[in-house]
């Protein structure tokens, strides 16, 4: 509580902390996805992706390094 009896500044800090935590979680998930895709390509394993409402198997030679492509 601040001097005016309000919790607004602590609530703001909590919201900022949660946003930062969410950003870190998303970044970690993207990094893990990129690593998994890279490993599949290097090992010659296909990946499964969702396209147009269907599961599509992408052969290793067609795997692009950028996870945003999937």
C-alpha atoms as a PDB file:
ATOM      1  CA  UNK A   1       0.000   0.000   0.000  1.00  0.00           C
ATOM      2  CA  UNK A   2       1.274   3.517  -0.755  1.00  0.00           C
ATOM      3  CA  UNK A   3       0.731   6.610   1.419  1.00  0.00           C
ATOM      4  CA  UNK A   4      -2.685   7.305  -0.120  1.00  0.00           C
ATOM      5  CA  UNK A   5      -3.955   3.866   0.921  1.00  0.00           C
ATOM      6  CA  UNK A   6      -3.920   2.510  -2.615  1.00  0.00           C
ATOM      7  CA  UNK A   7      -2.313  -0.621  -4.017  1.00  0.00           C
ATOM      8  CA  UNK A   8      -2.176   0.747  -7.566  1.00  0.00           C
ATOM      9  CA  UNK A   9       1.615   0.933  -7.788  1.00  0.00           C
ATOM     10  CA  UNK A  10       2.073  -2.618  -6.507  1.00  0.00           C
ATOM     11  CA  UNK A  11      -0.640  -3.864  -8.886  1.00  0.00           C
ATOM     12  CA  UNK A  12       1.171  -2.173 -11.749  1.00  0.00           C
ATOM     13  CA  UNK A  13       4.414  -3.890 -10.796  1.00  0.00           C
ATOM     14  CA  UNK A  14       2.646  -7.262 -10.627  1.00  0.00           C
ATOM     15  CA  UNK A  15       1.137  -6.781 -14.089  1.00  0.00           C
ATOM     16  CA  UNK A  16       4.555  -5.792 -15.458  1.00  0.00           C
ATOM     17  CA  UNK A  17       6.178  -8.815 -13.794  1.00  0.00           C
ATOM     18  CA  UNK A  18       3.574 -11.153 -15.301  1.00  0.00           C
ATOM     19  CA  UNK A  19       4.040  -9.643 -18.764  1.00  0.00           C
ATOM     20  CA  UNK A  20       7.788 -10.041 -18.460  1.00  0.00           C
ATOM     21  CA  UNK A  21       7.356 -13.623 -17.259  1.00  0.00           C
ATOM     22  CA  UNK A  22       5.008 -14.353 -20.170  1.00  0.00           C
ATOM     23  CA  UNK A  23       7.530 -12.892 -22.603  1.00  0.00           C
ATOM     24  CA  UNK A  24      10.246 -15.128 -21.161  1.00  0.00           C
ATOM     25  CA  UNK A  25       8.010 -18.197 -21.466  1.00  0.00           C
ATOM     26  CA  UNK A  26       7.184 -17.401 -25.104  1.00  0.00           C
ATOM     27  CA  UNK A  27      10.861 -16.786 -25.885  1.00  0.00           C
ATOM     28  CA  UNK A  28      11.843 -20.108 -24.281  1.00  0.00           C
ATOM     29  CA  UNK A  29       9.149 -21.968 -26.236  1.00  0.00           C
ATOM     30  CA  UNK A  30      10.323 -20.397 -29.511  1.00  0.00           C
ATOM     31  CA  UNK A  31      13.927 -21.261 -28.739  1.00  0.00           C
ATOM     32  CA  UNK A  32      12.998 -24.884 -27.934  1.00  0.00           C
ATOM     33  CA  UNK A  33      10.938 -25.135 -31.126  1.00  0.00           C
ATOM     34  CA  UNK A  34      13.792 -23.771 -33.233  1.00  0.00           C
ATOM     35  CA  UNK A  35      16.211 -26.254 -31.650  1.00  0.00           C
ATOM     36  CA  UNK A  36      13.843 -29.194 -32.217  1.00  0.00           C
ATOM     37  CA  UNK A  37      13.377 -28.226 -35.864  1.00  0.00           C
ATOM     38  CA  UNK A  38      17.128 -27.843 -36.316  1.00  0.00           C
ATOM     39  CA  UNK A  39      17.774 -31.259 -34.780  1.00  0.00           C
ATOM     40  CA  UNK A  40      15.170 -32.924 -36.986  1.00  0.00           C
ATOM     41  CA  UNK A  41      16.747 -31.423 -40.094  1.00  0.00           C
ATOM     42  CA  UNK A  42      20.272 -32.430 -39.022  1.00  0.00           C
ATOM     43  CA  UNK A  43      19.212 -35.990 -38.178  1.00  0.00           C
ATOM     44  CA  UNK A  44      17.180 -36.401 -41.342  1.00  0.00           C
ATOM     45  CA  UNK A  45      13.881 -36.761 -39.497  1.00  0.00           C
ATOM     46  CA  UNK A  46      10.636 -35.253 -40.820  1.00  0.00           C
ATOM     47  CA  UNK A  47       8.484 -32.900 -38.774  1.00  0.00           C
ATOM     48  CA  UNK A  48       4.706 -32.728 -38.526  1.00  0.00           C
ATOM     49  CA  UNK A  49       3.021 -29.352 -38.967  1.00  0.00           C
ATOM     50  CA  UNK A  50      -0.580 -28.130 -39.103  1.00  0.00           C
ATOM     51  CA  UNK A  51      -1.570 -26.614 -42.466  1.00  0.00           C
ATOM     52  CA  UNK A  52      -5.042 -25.778 -43.731  1.00  0.00           C
ATOM     53  CA  UNK A  53      -6.715 -27.847 -41.040  1.00  0.00           C
ATOM     54  CA  UNK A  54      -4.591 -30.939 -41.648  1.00  0.00           C
ATOM     55  CA  UNK A  55      -1.430 -32.519 -40.310  1.00  0.00           C
ATOM     56  CA  UNK A  56       1.285 -32.390 -42.966  1.00  0.00           C
ATOM     57  CA  UNK A  57       4.576 -34.293 -42.764  1.00  0.00           C
ATOM     58  CA  UNK A  58       7.495 -32.152 -43.920  1.00  0.00           C
ATOM     59  CA  UNK A  59      10.475 -34.186 -45.178  1.00  0.00           C
ATOM     60  CA  UNK A  60      13.874 -33.145 -43.812  1.00  0.00           C
ATOM     61  CA  UNK A  61      15.038 -31.667 -47.135  1.00  0.00           C
ATOM     62  CA  UNK A  62      12.060 -29.273 -47.064  1.00  0.00           C
ATOM     63  CA  UNK A  63      12.489 -28.173 -43.439  1.00  0.00           C
ATOM     64  CA  UNK A  64      13.286 -24.485 -43.207  1.00  0.00           C
ATOM     65  CA  UNK A  65      15.383 -23.264 -40.316  1.00  0.00           C
ATOM     66  CA  UNK A  66      12.935 -20.550 -39.243  1.00  0.00           C
ATOM     67  CA  UNK A  67      10.258 -21.833 -36.833  1.00  0.00           C
ATOM     68  CA  UNK A  68       7.984 -18.912 -37.795  1.00  0.00           C
ATOM     69  CA  UNK A  69       7.505 -20.679 -41.143  1.00  0.00           C
ATOM     70  CA  UNK A  70       5.418 -23.363 -39.391  1.00  0.00           C
END
